[in-house]
Amino acid sequence: QLIDNTPTGGTLTLDPGIYAGPVNITRPIVIRGAGRTATRITTPDPTTVDVKAFQVSGDVDVTITDVTIEGPAVAKTGGYSYGVYVLGTTVAGSVTLNRVDITAPPSGQGFWRGVYVAAGTTTPAAVHTVTLDDCTATSANSTLNVFTEYTGNGRSVVMRDTTLRVQPGATGHLMYVHPNVSIVASGCTFDYTNGQSYCLQHFGASTTVAARTARFTDCTFSCVALGVLTSGHADASTTFAGCSFSSARASSSMISARSSVVVSGCDVDVMGGAVGVNGADQGHVTITGTRFRVRDNSAAVVATGAGHTLVSGCSFDLGAGNT
């Protein structure tokens, strides 16, 4: 009712308190809370249908700021529930989350996804931009999912000073994005130490998809064993600048390159292999000014299969007993 009473393009200011969701937004609006600890949006417990705490539908510009979005007390079994669910159609739109915390249900409670950007309802898809600025999001499955058609204009994700994490035992990727999604992230923390799959999977290879890029600057990747799997599209590119990577147990490769990857000025401290290059002639990797430290494992620091690799100005600390 509060949203219904707010004019299109207007601002809804929420006082401190607890507000019951779910919330469905179909037109441009700004929702401004009194602060992350003061304004809380609760999600009802799911029954027979998936629950979306916030759903943004259509080609609209929406900003949500200074609130906490709380997951349900009991998550749905055999289905999914979502913190913020974005569904675009045919025209460019944007969703901006600023100083928003998204909390998960109690650990082990089903499939709760923090931010989910669905494929458009038509082809070609719209260019829909999703921005997370000074946010935190915790999930029981995948924390950030960005889907789109394999044709069309794709999606764009911007993250600044944002933390993504999962609960213990999470089986989904921390970030799972289709190949024609571009990502720009700076000053972010990606905590996947409780997960069981990839910290980031820039998914898939397709000859019909538009080439997209991913750039991570001054970000921290904390993983269990699997780190980053880059897109297999020949024209896709991923850049890591000033980032740090760590793994809690042995891995085959922290960065698995299936397309063009640049690693510059990074710190890689892992148990296992650091960089794996594959993908036939599509794996092109340039590593400069990066420090590698490998602990308790005999895997190669940089394993080059098919593809091309340039390593320059790097240091390698293999530790005792490592080859």
C-alpha atoms as a PDB file:
ATOM      1  CA  GLN A   1       0.000   0.000   0.000  1.00  0.00           C
ATOM      2  CA  LEU A   2       2.861   2.395   0.764  1.00  0.00           C
ATOM      3  CA  ILE A   3       4.300   1.768  -2.698  1.00  0.00           C
ATOM      4  CA  ASP A   4       0.887   2.063  -4.349  1.00  0.00           C
ATOM      5  CA  ASN A   5       0.449   5.482  -2.721  1.00  0.00           C
ATOM      6  CA  THR A   6       3.831   6.731  -3.983  1.00  0.00           C
ATOM      7  CA  PRO A   7       3.705   8.523  -7.352  1.00  0.00           C
ATOM      8  CA  THR A   8       5.637   7.172 -10.326  1.00  0.00           C
ATOM      9  CA  GLY A   9       9.210   8.413 -10.078  1.00  0.00           C
ATOM     10  CA  GLY A  10       8.652   9.532  -6.498  1.00  0.00           C
ATOM     11  CA  THR A  11      10.424   8.685  -3.250  1.00  0.00           C
ATOM     12  CA  LEU A  12       8.984   6.498  -0.514  1.00  0.00           C
ATOM     13  CA  THR A  13      10.668   7.319   2.808  1.00  0.00           C
ATOM     14  CA  LEU A  14      10.375   4.591   5.424  1.00  0.00           C
ATOM     15  CA  ASP A  15      10.597   5.384   9.130  1.00  0.00           C
ATOM     16  CA  PRO A  16      12.494   3.048  11.474  1.00  0.00           C
ATOM     17  CA  GLY A  17      10.572  -0.165  11.964  1.00  0.00           C
ATOM     18  CA  ILE A  18       9.728  -3.566  10.536  1.00  0.00           C
ATOM     19  CA  TYR A  19       7.766  -3.778   7.284  1.00  0.00           C
ATOM     20  CA  ALA A  20       6.200  -6.968   5.974  1.00  0.00           C
ATOM     21  CA  GLY A  21       6.975  -8.093   2.436  1.00  0.00           C
ATOM     22  CA  PRO A  22       6.851  -9.286  -0.238  1.00  0.00           C
ATOM     23  CA  VAL A  23       7.199  -6.117  -2.337  1.00  0.00           C
ATOM     24  CA  ASN A  24       6.335  -5.958  -6.052  1.00  0.00           C
ATOM     25  CA  ILE A  25       7.617  -2.946  -8.019  1.00  0.00           C
ATOM     26  CA  THR A  26       6.443  -2.316 -11.574  1.00  0.00           C
ATOM     27  CA  ARG A  27       7.231   1.393 -12.055  1.00  0.00           C
ATOM     28  CA  PRO A  28      10.085   3.825 -11.338  1.00  0.00           C
ATOM     29  CA  ILE A  29      10.481   4.565  -7.613  1.00  0.00           C
ATOM     30  CA  VAL A  30      13.040   5.316  -4.892  1.00  0.00           C
ATOM     31  CA  ILE A  31      12.633   3.484  -1.573  1.00  0.00           C
ATOM     32  CA  ARG A  32      14.698   5.059   1.201  1.00  0.00           C
ATOM     33  CA  GLY A  33      14.920   3.590   4.691  1.00  0.00           C
ATOM     34  CA  ALA A  34      16.201   5.110   7.902  1.00  0.00           C
ATOM     35  CA  GLY A  35      19.315   2.912   7.953  1.00  0.00           C
ATOM     36  CA  ARG A  36      20.265  -0.712   7.675  1.00  0.00           C
ATOM     37  CA  THR A  37      19.790  -1.392  11.379  1.00  0.00           C
ATOM     38  CA  ALA A  38      16.645   0.730  11.630  1.00  0.00           C
ATOM     39  CA  THR A  39      14.460  -0.263   8.658  1.00  0.00           C
ATOM     40  CA  ARG A  40      13.852  -3.959   8.064  1.00  0.00           C
ATOM     41  CA  ILE A  41      11.813  -5.617   5.331  1.00  0.00           C
ATOM     42  CA  THR A  42      10.726  -9.127   6.316  1.00  0.00           C
ATOM     43  CA  THR A  43       9.965 -12.018   3.970  1.00  0.00           C
ATOM     44  CA  PRO A  44       7.053 -14.362   4.681  1.00  0.00           C
ATOM     45  CA  ASP A  45       7.760 -18.052   5.018  1.00  0.00           C
ATOM     46  CA  PRO A  46       7.185 -19.742   1.634  1.00  0.00           C
ATOM     47  CA  THR A  47       4.477 -22.347   1.214  1.00  0.00           C
ATOM     48  CA  THR A  48       3.775 -23.744  -2.250  1.00  0.00           C
ATOM     49  CA  VAL A  49       5.297 -20.949  -4.343  1.00  0.00           C
ATOM     50  CA  ASP A  50       8.681 -19.260  -4.525  1.00  0.00           C
ATOM     51  CA  VAL A  51       8.852 -16.086  -2.455  1.00  0.00           C
ATOM     52  CA  LYS A  52      10.540 -12.906  -3.661  1.00  0.00           C
ATOM     53  CA  ALA A  53      11.153 -10.318  -0.927  1.00  0.00           C
ATOM     54  CA  PHE A  54      11.566  -7.587  -3.584  1.00  0.00           C
ATOM     55  CA  GLN A  55      10.503  -8.176  -7.179  1.00  0.00           C
ATOM     56  CA  VAL A  56      11.244  -5.549  -9.818  1.00  0.00           C
ATOM     57  CA  SER A  57       9.385  -6.219 -13.064  1.00  0.00           C
ATOM     58  CA  GLY A  58       9.567  -4.402 -16.367  1.00  0.00           C
ATOM     59  CA  ASP A  59      11.775  -1.705 -17.837  1.00  0.00           C
ATOM     60  CA  VAL A  60      11.951   0.614 -14.865  1.00  0.00           C
ATOM     61  CA  ASP A  61      14.574   2.498 -12.851  1.00  0.00           C
ATOM     62  CA  VAL A  62      14.397   1.545  -9.179  1.00  0.00           C
ATOM     63  CA  THR A  63      16.608   2.545  -6.233  1.00  0.00           C
ATOM     64  CA  ILE A  64      16.479   0.863  -2.816  1.00  0.00           C
ATOM     65  CA  THR A  65      18.638   2.365  -0.085  1.00  0.00           C
ATOM     66  CA  ASP A  66      19.349   2.110   3.656  1.00  0.00           C
ATOM     67  CA  VAL A  67      17.323  -1.002   4.501  1.00  0.00           C
ATOM     68  CA  THR A  68      17.824  -4.622   5.536  1.00  0.00           C
ATOM     69  CA  ILE A  69      15.978  -7.321   3.603  1.00  0.00           C
ATOM     70  CA  GLU A  70      15.523 -10.346   5.834  1.00  0.00           C
ATOM     71  CA  GLY A  71      15.100 -13.862   4.532  1.00  0.00           C
ATOM     72  CA  PRO A  72      12.224 -16.020   5.767  1.00  0.00           C
ATOM     73  CA  ALA A  73      12.524 -17.868   9.049  1.00  0.00           C
ATOM     74  CA  VAL A  74      11.954 -21.129   7.194  1.00  0.00           C
ATOM     75  CA  ALA A  75      13.035 -21.449   3.567  1.00  0.00           C
ATOM     76  CA  LYS A  76      11.128 -23.384   0.950  1.00  0.00           C
ATOM     77  CA  THR A  77      12.230 -26.968   0.361  1.00  0.00           C
ATOM     78  CA  GLY A  78      12.566 -28.064  -3.248  1.00  0.00           C
ATOM     79  CA  GLY A  79      12.346 -24.548  -4.675  1.00  0.00           C
ATOM     80  CA  TYR A  80      13.876 -21.096  -4.387  1.00  0.00           C
ATOM     81  CA  SER A  81      13.264 -17.875  -2.527  1.00  0.00           C
ATOM     82  CA  TYR A  82      14.907 -14.549  -3.328  1.00  0.00           C
ATOM     83  CA  GLY A  83      16.021 -11.332  -1.663  1.00  0.00           C
ATOM     84  CA  VAL A  84      15.873  -9.113  -4.767  1.00  0.00           C
ATOM     85  CA  TYR A  85      14.453 -10.578  -7.987  1.00  0.00           C
ATOM     86  CA  VAL A  86      14.826  -8.534 -11.189  1.00  0.00           C
ATOM     87  CA  LEU A  87      12.891  -9.343 -14.364  1.00  0.00           C
ATOM     88  CA  GLY A  88      13.471  -7.075 -17.356  1.00  0.00           C
ATOM     89  CA  THR A  89      11.697  -7.140 -20.700  1.00  0.00           C
ATOM     90  CA  THR A  90      12.656  -5.222 -23.818  1.00  0.00           C
ATOM     91  CA  VAL A  91      13.963  -1.762 -22.880  1.00  0.00           C
ATOM     92  CA  ALA A  92      16.944  -0.758 -20.771  1.00  0.00           C
ATOM     93  CA  GLY A  93      16.293  -0.301 -17.070  1.00  0.00           C
ATOM     94  CA  SER A  94      18.272  -0.169 -13.833  1.00  0.00           C
ATOM     95  CA  VAL A  95      18.063  -1.402 -10.266  1.00  0.00           C
ATOM     96  CA  THR A  96      20.353   0.223  -7.698  1.00  0.00           C
ATOM     97  CA  LEU A  97      20.898  -1.123  -4.189  1.00  0.00           C
ATOM     98  CA  ASN A  98      22.700   1.348  -1.938  1.00  0.00           C
ATOM     99  CA  ARG A  99      23.606   0.465   1.653  1.00  0.00           C
ATOM    100  CA  VAL A 100      21.339  -2.583   1.602  1.00  0.00           C
ATOM    101  CA  ASP A 101      21.892  -5.741   3.656  1.00  0.00           C
ATOM    102  CA  ILE A 102      20.293  -8.985   2.489  1.00  0.00           C
ATOM    103  CA  THR A 103      20.255 -11.674   5.164  1.00  0.00           C
ATOM    104  CA  ALA A 104      19.632 -15.383   4.682  1.00  0.00           C
ATOM    105  CA  PRO A 105      17.357 -17.760   6.587  1.00  0.00           C
ATOM    106  CA  PRO A 106      18.960 -19.887   9.314  1.00  0.00           C
ATOM    107  CA  SER A 107      21.822 -22.016   8.051  1.00  0.00           C
ATOM    108  CA  GLY A 108      20.699 -25.087   6.142  1.00  0.00           C
ATOM    109  CA  GLN A 109      17.240 -23.680   5.404  1.00  0.00           C
ATOM    110  CA  GLY A 110      16.699 -24.432   1.715  1.00  0.00           C
ATOM    111  CA  PHE A 111      17.525 -22.407  -1.390  1.00  0.00           C
ATOM    112  CA  TRP A 112      17.685 -18.700  -0.616  1.00  0.00           C
ATOM    113  CA  ARG A 113      19.291 -16.512  -3.280  1.00  0.00           C
ATOM    114  CA  GLY A 114      20.380 -12.975  -2.488  1.00  0.00           C
ATOM    115  CA  VAL A 115      20.177 -11.096  -5.827  1.00  0.00           C
ATOM    116  CA  TYR A 116      18.702 -12.794  -8.880  1.00  0.00           C
ATOM    117  CA  VAL A 117      18.515 -11.185 -12.322  1.00  0.00           C
ATOM    118  CA  ALA A 118      16.283 -13.297 -14.544  1.00  0.00           C
ATOM    119  CA  ALA A 119      16.422 -13.595 -18.307  1.00  0.00           C
ATOM    120  CA  GLY A 120      14.238 -11.161 -20.195  1.00  0.00           C
ATOM    121  CA  THR A 121      10.836 -12.271 -21.397  1.00  0.00           C
ATOM    122  CA  THR A 122      11.649 -11.477 -25.026  1.00  0.00           C
ATOM    123  CA  THR A 123      14.580 -11.827 -27.383  1.00  0.00           C
ATOM    124  CA  PRO A 124      16.703  -9.810 -27.803  1.00  0.00           C
ATOM    125  CA  ALA A 125      16.935  -9.016 -24.118  1.00  0.00           C
ATOM    126  CA  ALA A 126      17.210  -5.554 -22.666  1.00  0.00           C
ATOM    127  CA  VAL A 127      20.429  -4.088 -21.308  1.00  0.00           C
ATOM    128  CA  HIS A 128      19.474  -4.105 -17.644  1.00  0.00           C
ATOM    129  CA  THR A 129      21.986  -2.621 -15.183  1.00  0.00           C
ATOM    130  CA  VAL A 130      22.084  -3.799 -11.584  1.00  0.00           C
ATOM    131  CA  THR A 131      24.267  -1.854  -9.138  1.00  0.00           C
ATOM    132  CA  LEU A 132      25.253  -2.907  -5.618  1.00  0.00           C
ATOM    133  CA  ASP A 133      26.925  -0.070  -3.721  1.00  0.00           C
ATOM    134  CA  ASP A 134      28.116  -0.652  -0.134  1.00  0.00           C
ATOM    135  CA  CYS A 135      25.889  -3.707   0.286  1.00  0.00           C
ATOM    136  CA  THR A 136      26.117  -7.121   1.922  1.00  0.00           C
ATOM    137  CA  ALA A 137      24.276 -10.227   0.774  1.00  0.00           C
ATOM    138  CA  THR A 138      24.244 -13.701   2.295  1.00  0.00           C
ATOM    139  CA  SER A 139      22.629 -16.747   0.741  1.00  0.00           C
ATOM    140  CA  ALA A 140      21.983 -20.403   1.397  1.00  0.00           C
ATOM    141  CA  ASN A 141      22.578 -21.170  -2.285  1.00  0.00           C
ATOM    142  CA  SER A 142      23.939 -18.716  -4.895  1.00  0.00           C
ATOM    143  CA  THR A 143      24.285 -15.130  -3.699  1.00  0.00           C
ATOM    144  CA  LEU A 144      24.384 -13.382  -7.089  1.00  0.00           C
ATOM    145  CA  ASN A 145      22.746 -14.945 -10.148  1.00  0.00           C
ATOM    146  CA  VAL A 146      22.596 -13.074 -13.445  1.00  0.00           C
ATOM    147  CA  PHE A 147      20.898 -14.809 -16.342  1.00  0.00           C
ATOM    148  CA  THR A 148      20.154 -13.695 -19.868  1.00  0.00           C
ATOM    149  CA  GLU A 149      19.429 -15.105 -23.297  1.00  0.00           C
ATOM    150  CA  TYR A 150      22.290 -16.319 -25.430  1.00  0.00           C
ATOM    151  CA  THR A 151      21.355 -13.637 -27.936  1.00  0.00           C
ATOM    152  CA  GLY A 152      20.605  -9.979 -27.407  1.00  0.00           C
ATOM    153  CA  ASN A 153      22.169  -7.231 -25.372  1.00  0.00           C
ATOM    154  CA  GLY A 154      22.632  -8.977 -22.050  1.00  0.00           C
ATOM    155  CA  ARG A 155      22.974  -7.487 -18.589  1.00  0.00           C
ATOM    156  CA  SER A 156      25.435  -5.323 -16.712  1.00  0.00           C
ATOM    157  CA  VAL A 157      26.391  -5.665 -13.028  1.00  0.00           C
ATOM    158  CA  VAL A 158      28.287  -2.997 -11.074  1.00  0.00           C
ATOM    159  CA  MET A 159      29.517  -3.659  -7.523  1.00  0.00           C
ATOM    160  CA  ARG A 160      31.341  -1.242  -5.234  1.00  0.00           C
ATOM    161  CA  ASP A 161      32.490  -1.894  -1.648  1.00  0.00           C
ATOM    162  CA  THR A 162      30.099  -4.849  -1.453  1.00  0.00           C
ATOM    163  CA  THR A 163      30.408  -8.158   0.400  1.00  0.00           C
ATOM    164  CA  LEU A 164      28.891 -11.390  -0.909  1.00  0.00           C
ATOM    165  CA  ARG A 165      28.962 -14.553   1.214  1.00  0.00           C
ATOM    166  CA  VAL A 166      27.242 -17.914   1.659  1.00  0.00           C
ATOM    167  CA  GLN A 167      26.175 -19.960   4.643  1.00  0.00           C
ATOM    168  CA  PRO A 168      27.929 -23.223   5.569  1.00  0.00           C
ATOM    169  CA  GLY A 169      27.185 -26.043   3.172  1.00  0.00           C
ATOM    170  CA  ALA A 170      25.993 -23.888   0.276  1.00  0.00           C
ATOM    171  CA  THR A 171      26.191 -25.862  -2.963  1.00  0.00           C
ATOM    172  CA  GLY A 172      25.589 -23.094  -5.532  1.00  0.00           C
ATOM    173  CA  HIS A 173      28.226 -20.721  -6.875  1.00  0.00           C
ATOM    174  CA  LEU A 174      28.724 -17.482  -4.988  1.00  0.00           C
ATOM    175  CA  MET A 175      28.358 -15.635  -8.320  1.00  0.00           C
ATOM    176  CA  TYR A 176      26.844 -17.347 -11.336  1.00  0.00           C
ATOM    177  CA  VAL A 177      26.525 -15.269 -14.500  1.00  0.00           C
ATOM    178  CA  HIS A 178      25.807 -15.979 -18.131  1.00  0.00           C
ATOM    179  CA  PRO A 179      28.478 -15.121 -20.693  1.00  0.00           C
ATOM    180  CA  ASN A 180      26.888 -11.992 -22.150  1.00  0.00           C
ATOM    181  CA  VAL A 181      26.808 -10.294 -18.766  1.00  0.00           C
ATOM    182  CA  SER A 182      29.435  -7.653 -18.034  1.00  0.00           C
ATOM    183  CA  ILE A 183      30.743  -7.199 -14.484  1.00  0.00           C
ATOM    184  CA  VAL A 184      32.621  -4.270 -12.972  1.00  0.00           C
ATOM    185  CA  ALA A 185      33.586  -4.699  -9.305  1.00  0.00           C
ATOM    186  CA  SER A 186      35.861  -2.624  -7.070  1.00  0.00           C
ATOM    187  CA  GLY A 187      36.748  -2.879  -3.395  1.00  0.00           C
ATOM    188  CA  CYS A 188      34.530  -5.931  -2.923  1.00  0.00           C
ATOM    189  CA  THR A 189      34.838  -9.016  -0.729  1.00  0.00           C
ATOM    190  CA  PHE A 190      33.696 -12.375  -2.067  1.00  0.00           C
ATOM    191  CA  ASP A 191      33.622 -14.830   0.848  1.00  0.00           C
ATOM    192  CA  TYR A 192      32.982 -18.367  -0.286  1.00  0.00           C
ATOM    193  CA  THR A 193      34.826 -20.196   2.473  1.00  0.00           C
ATOM    194  CA  ASN A 194      31.595 -21.995   3.438  1.00  0.00           C
ATOM    195  CA  GLY A 195      30.697 -23.068  -0.088  1.00  0.00           C
ATOM    196  CA  GLN A 196      31.240 -26.193  -2.123  1.00  0.00           C
ATOM    197  CA  SER A 197      31.555 -24.952  -5.716  1.00  0.00           C
ATOM    198  CA  TYR A 198      33.024 -21.965  -7.625  1.00  0.00           C
ATOM    199  CA  CYS A 199      33.357 -18.510  -6.142  1.00  0.00           C
ATOM    200  CA  LEU A 200      32.606 -17.106  -9.614  1.00  0.00           C
ATOM    201  CA  GLN A 201      31.468 -18.915 -12.729  1.00  0.00           C
ATOM    202  CA  HIS A 202      31.244 -16.699 -15.798  1.00  0.00           C
ATOM    203  CA  PHE A 203      29.226 -19.392 -17.437  1.00  0.00           C
ATOM    204  CA  GLY A 204      29.266 -21.045 -20.785  1.00  0.00           C
ATOM    205  CA  ALA A 205      30.508 -20.842 -24.307  1.00  0.00           C
ATOM    206  CA  SER A 206      28.291 -19.906 -27.223  1.00  0.00           C
ATOM    207  CA  THR A 207      28.966 -18.729 -30.739  1.00  0.00           C
ATOM    208  CA  THR A 208      25.791 -16.642 -30.755  1.00  0.00           C
ATOM    209  CA  VAL A 209      26.293 -14.737 -27.521  1.00  0.00           C
ATOM    210  CA  ALA A 210      27.568 -11.186 -27.414  1.00  0.00           C
ATOM    211  CA  ALA A 211      31.089 -10.915 -25.998  1.00  0.00           C
ATOM    212  CA  ARG A 212      31.121  -9.427 -22.502  1.00  0.00           C
ATOM    213  CA  THR A 213      33.817  -8.413 -20.055  1.00  0.00           C
ATOM    214  CA  ALA A 214      34.468  -8.727 -16.343  1.00  0.00           C
ATOM    215  CA  ARG A 215      36.832  -6.466 -14.400  1.00  0.00           C
ATOM    216  CA  PHE A 216      37.672  -6.838 -10.710  1.00  0.00           C
ATOM    217  CA  THR A 217      39.800  -4.159  -9.031  1.00  0.00           C
ATOM    218  CA  ASP A 218      41.086  -4.349  -5.423  1.00  0.00           C
ATOM    219  CA  CYS A 219      38.757  -7.239  -4.597  1.00  0.00           C
ATOM    220  CA  THR A 220      39.240 -10.163  -2.207  1.00  0.00           C
ATOM    221  CA  PHE A 221      38.320 -13.725  -3.181  1.00  0.00           C
ATOM    222  CA  SER A 222      38.208 -16.214  -0.274  1.00  0.00           C
ATOM    223  CA  CYS A 223      37.396 -19.692  -1.533  1.00  0.00           C
ATOM    224  CA  VAL A 224      37.306 -23.279  -0.385  1.00  0.00           C
ATOM    225  CA  ALA A 225      38.987 -25.018  -3.306  1.00  0.00           C
ATOM    226  CA  LEU A 226      37.476 -23.746  -6.558  1.00  0.00           C
ATOM    227  CA  GLY A 227      37.926 -20.110  -7.427  1.00  0.00           C
ATOM    228  CA  VAL A 228      37.068 -18.437 -10.718  1.00  0.00           C
ATOM    229  CA  LEU A 229      35.947 -20.137 -13.930  1.00  0.00           C
ATOM    230  CA  THR A 230      35.938 -17.622 -16.770  1.00  0.00           C
ATOM    231  CA  SER A 231      33.696 -17.544 -19.815  1.00  0.00           C
ATOM    232  CA  GLY A 232      34.551 -19.831 -22.691  1.00  0.00           C
ATOM    233  CA  HIS A 233      33.469 -17.323 -25.331  1.00  0.00           C
ATOM    234  CA  ALA A 234      36.368 -16.516 -27.640  1.00  0.00           C
ATOM    235  CA  ASP A 235      35.878 -12.746 -27.404  1.00  0.00           C
ATOM    236  CA  ALA A 236      35.153 -12.538 -23.671  1.00  0.00           C
ATOM    237  CA  SER A 237      37.752 -11.043 -21.315  1.00  0.00           C
ATOM    238  CA  THR A 238      38.303 -11.000 -17.558  1.00  0.00           C
ATOM    239  CA  THR A 239      40.711  -8.710 -15.686  1.00  0.00           C
ATOM    240  CA  PHE A 240      41.893  -8.931 -12.071  1.00  0.00           C
ATOM    241  CA  ALA A 241      43.878  -5.907 -10.882  1.00  0.00           C
ATOM    242  CA  GLY A 242      45.203  -5.563  -7.332  1.00  0.00           C
ATOM    243  CA  CYS A 243      43.084  -8.492  -6.114  1.00  0.00           C
ATOM    244  CA  SER A 244      43.868 -11.132  -3.510  1.00  0.00           C
ATOM    245  CA  PHE A 245      42.948 -14.811  -3.745  1.00  0.00           C
ATOM    246  CA  SER A 246      43.069 -17.479  -1.050  1.00  0.00           C
ATOM    247  CA  SER A 247      41.839 -21.044  -0.741  1.00  0.00           C
ATOM    248  CA  ALA A 248      41.193 -23.144   2.350  1.00  0.00           C
ATOM    249  CA  ARG A 249      42.085 -26.485   0.802  1.00  0.00           C
ATOM    250  CA  ALA A 250      43.792 -27.930  -2.242  1.00  0.00           C
ATOM    251  CA  SER A 251      42.428 -26.844  -5.606  1.00  0.00           C
ATOM    252  CA  SER A 252      43.177 -27.672  -9.205  1.00  0.00           C
ATOM    253  CA  SER A 253      43.288 -23.978 -10.161  1.00  0.00           C
ATOM    254  CA  MET A 254      42.193 -20.783  -8.459  1.00  0.00           C
ATOM    255  CA  ILE A 255      41.662 -19.113 -11.848  1.00  0.00           C
ATOM    256  CA  SER A 256      40.563 -21.402 -14.677  1.00  0.00           C
ATOM    257  CA  ALA A 257      40.962 -19.475 -17.899  1.00  0.00           C
ATOM    258  CA  ARG A 258      38.888 -20.425 -20.911  1.00  0.00           C
ATOM    259  CA  SER A 259      39.161 -17.027 -22.596  1.00  0.00           C
ATOM    260  CA  SER A 260      41.264 -13.871 -22.342  1.00  0.00           C
ATOM    261  CA  VAL A 261      42.362 -13.270 -18.729  1.00  0.00           C
ATOM    262  CA  VAL A 262      44.670 -10.594 -17.315  1.00  0.00           C
ATOM    263  CA  VAL A 263      46.041 -10.913 -13.764  1.00  0.00           C
ATOM    264  CA  SER A 264      47.946  -7.794 -12.693  1.00  0.00           C
ATOM    265  CA  GLY A 265      49.436  -6.812  -9.331  1.00  0.00           C
ATOM    266  CA  CYS A 266      47.559  -9.541  -7.460  1.00  0.00           C
ATOM    267  CA  ASP A 267      48.334 -11.700  -4.439  1.00  0.00           C
ATOM    268  CA  VAL A 268      47.528 -15.399  -4.831  1.00  0.00           C
ATOM    269  CA  ASP A 269      47.875 -17.547  -1.688  1.00  0.00           C
ATOM    270  CA  VAL A 270      46.439 -21.005  -2.308  1.00  0.00           C
ATOM    271  CA  MET A 271      46.614 -24.680  -1.439  1.00  0.00           C
ATOM    272  CA  GLY A 272      46.903 -26.118  -4.932  1.00  0.00           C
ATOM    273  CA  GLY A 273      47.217 -24.782  -8.432  1.00  0.00           C
ATOM    274  CA  ALA A 274      46.833 -21.053  -8.986  1.00  0.00           C
ATOM    275  CA  VAL A 275      46.121 -20.554 -12.687  1.00  0.00           C
ATOM    276  CA  GLY A 276      44.984 -23.113 -15.232  1.00  0.00           C
ATOM    277  CA  VAL A 277      44.936 -22.234 -18.927  1.00  0.00           C
ATOM    278  CA  ASN A 278      42.685 -24.224 -21.220  1.00  0.00           C
ATOM    279  CA  GLY A 279      39.963 -23.801 -23.809  1.00  0.00           C
ATOM    280  CA  ALA A 280      41.858 -24.610 -27.002  1.00  0.00           C
ATOM    281  CA  ASP A 281      43.032 -21.387 -28.654  1.00  0.00           C
ATOM    282  CA  GLN A 282      40.612 -19.296 -26.603  1.00  0.00           C
ATOM    283  CA  GLY A 283      42.682 -19.376 -23.401  1.00  0.00           C
ATOM    284  CA  HIS A 284      44.921 -16.295 -23.479  1.00  0.00           C
ATOM    285  CA  VAL A 285      46.423 -15.356 -20.104  1.00  0.00           C
ATOM    286  CA  THR A 286      48.714 -12.481 -19.151  1.00  0.00           C
ATOM    287  CA  ILE A 287      50.100 -12.418 -15.590  1.00  0.00           C
ATOM    288  CA  THR A 288      52.216  -9.464 -14.452  1.00  0.00           C
ATOM    289  CA  GLY A 289      53.543  -8.222 -11.117  1.00  0.00           C
ATOM    290  CA  THR A 290      51.745 -10.930  -9.145  1.00  0.00           C
ATOM    291  CA  ARG A 291      52.916 -12.823  -6.049  1.00  0.00           C
ATOM    292  CA  PHE A 292      52.146 -16.533  -5.856  1.00  0.00           C
ATOM    293  CA  ARG A 293      52.369 -18.567  -2.665  1.00  0.00           C
ATOM    294  CA  VAL A 294      51.433 -22.231  -2.830  1.00  0.00           C
ATOM    295  CA  ARG A 295      51.059 -24.247   0.374  1.00  0.00           C
ATOM    296  CA  ASP A 296      50.958 -28.002   1.022  1.00  0.00           C
ATOM    297  CA  ASN A 297      50.473 -29.167  -2.520  1.00  0.00           C
ATOM    298  CA  SER A 298      52.538 -30.278  -5.483  1.00  0.00           C
ATOM    299  CA  ALA A 299      50.308 -28.874  -8.237  1.00  0.00           C
ATOM    300  CA  ALA A 300      51.799 -26.520 -10.769  1.00  0.00           C
ATOM    301  CA  VAL A 301      51.369 -22.840  -9.938  1.00  0.00           C
ATOM    302  CA  VAL A 302      50.601 -22.020 -13.565  1.00  0.00           C
ATOM    303  CA  ALA A 303      49.438 -24.957 -15.685  1.00  0.00           C
ATOM    304  CA  THR A 304      49.312 -24.198 -19.391  1.00  0.00           C
ATOM    305  CA  GLY A 305      47.281 -26.454 -21.596  1.00  0.00           C
ATOM    306  CA  ALA A 306      46.072 -25.309 -24.985  1.00  0.00           C
ATOM    307  CA  GLY A 307      46.164 -21.535 -25.309  1.00  0.00           C
ATOM    308  CA  HIS A 308      48.761 -18.811 -24.747  1.00  0.00           C
ATOM    309  CA  THR A 309      50.383 -17.589 -21.528  1.00  0.00           C
ATOM    310  CA  LEU A 310      52.660 -14.648 -20.708  1.00  0.00           C
ATOM    311  CA  VAL A 311      54.162 -14.363 -17.211  1.00  0.00           C
ATOM    312  CA  SER A 312      56.234 -11.291 -16.360  1.00  0.00           C
ATOM    313  CA  GLY A 313      57.656  -9.732 -13.191  1.00  0.00           C
ATOM    314  CA  CYS A 314      56.069 -12.264 -10.813  1.00  0.00           C
ATOM    315  CA  SER A 315      57.327 -14.016  -7.673  1.00  0.00           C
ATOM    316  CA  PHE A 316      56.735 -17.649  -6.734  1.00  0.00           C
ATOM    317  CA  ASP A 317      56.960 -19.060  -3.201  1.00  0.00           C
ATOM    318  CA  LEU A 318      56.434 -22.808  -3.437  1.00  0.00           C
ATOM    319  CA  GLY A 319      57.196 -23.604   0.192  1.00  0.00           C
ATOM    320  CA  ALA A 320      58.861 -26.714   1.512  1.00  0.00           C
ATOM    321  CA  GLY A 321      58.038 -29.934  -0.276  1.00  0.00           C
ATOM    322  CA  ASN A 322      56.246 -28.358  -3.228  1.00  0.00           C
ATOM    323  CA  THR A 323      57.429 -28.796  -6.790  1.00  0.00           C
END
